[in-house]
């Protein structure tokens, strides 16, 4: 990949109706709304906000931004300048 290519930090936006307000368990997995995968947090946030505003009247409906880039490369979150605790 060329050095001039923009960095992609993939984010997934999903949502659906939850079983209760204190959990993140979806009521029906067949009805989970997969909004899409976005190349950065800003565009994912815009998509999340639009979907969340459309469903504001349903208290059990929630949308989430999933940081896919963290799942693809878990070491990315580790700071190289830190030393393991002894």
C-alpha atoms as a PDB file:
ATOM      1  CA  UNK A   1       0.000   0.000   0.000  1.00  0.00           C
ATOM      2  CA  UNK A   2       1.422   3.420  -0.870  1.00  0.00           C
ATOM      3  CA  UNK A   3       2.430   5.722   1.983  1.00  0.00           C
ATOM      4  CA  UNK A   4       0.012   8.367   0.690  1.00  0.00           C
ATOM      5  CA  UNK A   5      -3.032   6.119   1.253  1.00  0.00           C
ATOM      6  CA  UNK A   6      -5.266   7.394   4.074  1.00  0.00           C
ATOM      7  CA  UNK A   7      -5.222   5.349   7.264  1.00  0.00           C
ATOM      8  CA  UNK A   8      -8.340   3.257   7.734  1.00  0.00           C
ATOM      9  CA  UNK A   9      -9.658   2.740  11.219  1.00  0.00           C
ATOM     10  CA  UNK A  10     -12.694   0.607  10.429  1.00  0.00           C
ATOM     11  CA  UNK A  11     -15.855   1.068  12.498  1.00  0.00           C
ATOM     12  CA  UNK A  12     -19.121  -0.900  12.367  1.00  0.00           C
ATOM     13  CA  UNK A  13     -22.472   0.668  13.240  1.00  0.00           C
ATOM     14  CA  UNK A  14     -25.181  -1.754  14.382  1.00  0.00           C
ATOM     15  CA  UNK A  15     -28.368  -1.450  16.347  1.00  0.00           C
ATOM     16  CA  UNK A  16     -31.534  -3.084  17.433  1.00  0.00           C
ATOM     17  CA  UNK A  17     -34.047  -3.479  20.187  1.00  0.00           C
ATOM     18  CA  UNK A  18     -32.576  -4.553  23.528  1.00  0.00           C
ATOM     19  CA  UNK A  19     -34.108  -7.023  25.985  1.00  0.00           C
ATOM     20  CA  UNK A  20     -33.837  -4.426  28.760  1.00  0.00           C
ATOM     21  CA  UNK A  21     -32.267  -1.014  29.253  1.00  0.00           C
ATOM     22  CA  UNK A  22     -29.512  -2.291  31.549  1.00  0.00           C
ATOM     23  CA  UNK A  23     -28.020  -4.738  29.036  1.00  0.00           C
ATOM     24  CA  UNK A  24     -26.634  -4.888  25.533  1.00  0.00           C
ATOM     25  CA  UNK A  25     -28.489  -8.088  24.632  1.00  0.00           C
ATOM     26  CA  UNK A  26     -30.558  -7.768  21.468  1.00  0.00           C
ATOM     27  CA  UNK A  27     -34.158  -8.960  21.653  1.00  0.00           C
ATOM     28  CA  UNK A  28     -34.106 -10.584  18.187  1.00  0.00           C
ATOM     29  CA  UNK A  29     -30.813 -11.168  16.361  1.00  0.00           C
ATOM     30  CA  UNK A  30     -32.685 -11.571  13.065  1.00  0.00           C
ATOM     31  CA  UNK A  31     -33.746  -7.930  13.361  1.00  0.00           C
ATOM     32  CA  UNK A  32     -30.344  -6.411  14.185  1.00  0.00           C
ATOM     33  CA  UNK A  33     -29.804  -3.451  11.878  1.00  0.00           C
ATOM     34  CA  UNK A  34     -26.330  -3.519  10.340  1.00  0.00           C
ATOM     35  CA  UNK A  35     -25.967   0.090   9.249  1.00  0.00           C
ATOM     36  CA  UNK A  36     -22.528  -0.364   7.701  1.00  0.00           C
ATOM     37  CA  UNK A  37     -18.759  -0.316   7.963  1.00  0.00           C
ATOM     38  CA  UNK A  38     -17.058   3.068   7.904  1.00  0.00           C
ATOM     39  CA  UNK A  39     -13.420   4.070   7.301  1.00  0.00           C
ATOM     40  CA  UNK A  40     -13.121   6.314  10.374  1.00  0.00           C
ATOM     41  CA  UNK A  41     -14.874   7.251  13.582  1.00  0.00           C
ATOM     42  CA  UNK A  42     -16.251  10.556  12.288  1.00  0.00           C
ATOM     43  CA  UNK A  43     -18.304   8.949   9.502  1.00  0.00           C
ATOM     44  CA  UNK A  44     -19.377   6.095  11.796  1.00  0.00           C
ATOM     45  CA  UNK A  45     -20.498   8.620  14.407  1.00  0.00           C
ATOM     46  CA  UNK A  46     -22.540  10.531  11.816  1.00  0.00           C
ATOM     47  CA  UNK A  47     -24.277   7.298  10.749  1.00  0.00           C
ATOM     48  CA  UNK A  48     -24.842   6.285  14.379  1.00  0.00           C
ATOM     49  CA  UNK A  49     -26.314   9.683  15.241  1.00  0.00           C
ATOM     50  CA  UNK A  50     -28.702   9.641  12.265  1.00  0.00           C
ATOM     51  CA  UNK A  51     -30.008   6.156  13.134  1.00  0.00           C
ATOM     52  CA  UNK A  52     -30.265   6.948  16.838  1.00  0.00           C
ATOM     53  CA  UNK A  53     -32.305  10.079  16.103  1.00  0.00           C
ATOM     54  CA  UNK A  54     -34.675   8.099  13.850  1.00  0.00           C
ATOM     55  CA  UNK A  55     -35.476   5.703  16.706  1.00  0.00           C
ATOM     56  CA  UNK A  56     -35.576   8.163  19.607  1.00  0.00           C
ATOM     57  CA  UNK A  57     -39.198   7.266  20.434  1.00  0.00           C
ATOM     58  CA  UNK A  58     -38.300   3.628  21.225  1.00  0.00           C
ATOM     59  CA  UNK A  59     -36.398   3.531  24.523  1.00  0.00           C
ATOM     60  CA  UNK A  60     -35.265  -0.065  23.932  1.00  0.00           C
ATOM     61  CA  UNK A  61     -33.722   0.690  20.539  1.00  0.00           C
ATOM     62  CA  UNK A  62     -29.973   1.279  20.703  1.00  0.00           C
ATOM     63  CA  UNK A  63     -27.245   1.781  18.126  1.00  0.00           C
ATOM     64  CA  UNK A  64     -23.561   1.134  18.738  1.00  0.00           C
ATOM     65  CA  UNK A  65     -20.254   2.036  17.121  1.00  0.00           C
ATOM     66  CA  UNK A  66     -17.919  -0.990  17.175  1.00  0.00           C
ATOM     67  CA  UNK A  67     -14.211  -0.247  16.749  1.00  0.00           C
ATOM     68  CA  UNK A  68     -13.361  -2.993  14.250  1.00  0.00           C
ATOM     69  CA  UNK A  69      -9.783  -1.782  13.896  1.00  0.00           C
ATOM     70  CA  UNK A  70      -9.211  -2.721  17.549  1.00  0.00           C
ATOM     71  CA  UNK A  71     -10.499  -6.229  16.925  1.00  0.00           C
ATOM     72  CA  UNK A  72      -8.374  -6.623  13.806  1.00  0.00           C
ATOM     73  CA  UNK A  73      -5.199  -5.412  15.530  1.00  0.00           C
ATOM     74  CA  UNK A  74      -5.509  -5.600  19.338  1.00  0.00           C
ATOM     75  CA  UNK A  75      -1.856  -4.606  19.779  1.00  0.00           C
ATOM     76  CA  UNK A  76      -2.682  -1.218  18.263  1.00  0.00           C
ATOM     77  CA  UNK A  77      -4.138  -0.061  21.581  1.00  0.00           C
ATOM     78  CA  UNK A  78      -1.042  -1.017  23.560  1.00  0.00           C
ATOM     79  CA  UNK A  79       1.346   1.867  24.060  1.00  0.00           C
ATOM     80  CA  UNK A  80       4.880   0.869  23.084  1.00  0.00           C
ATOM     81  CA  UNK A  81       6.425   3.138  25.741  1.00  0.00           C
ATOM     82  CA  UNK A  82       4.860   1.303  28.680  1.00  0.00           C
ATOM     83  CA  UNK A  83       6.565  -1.490  30.569  1.00  0.00           C
ATOM     84  CA  UNK A  84       4.710  -4.509  31.944  1.00  0.00           C
ATOM     85  CA  UNK A  85       3.927  -4.371  35.657  1.00  0.00           C
ATOM     86  CA  UNK A  86       6.096  -6.547  37.893  1.00  0.00           C
END
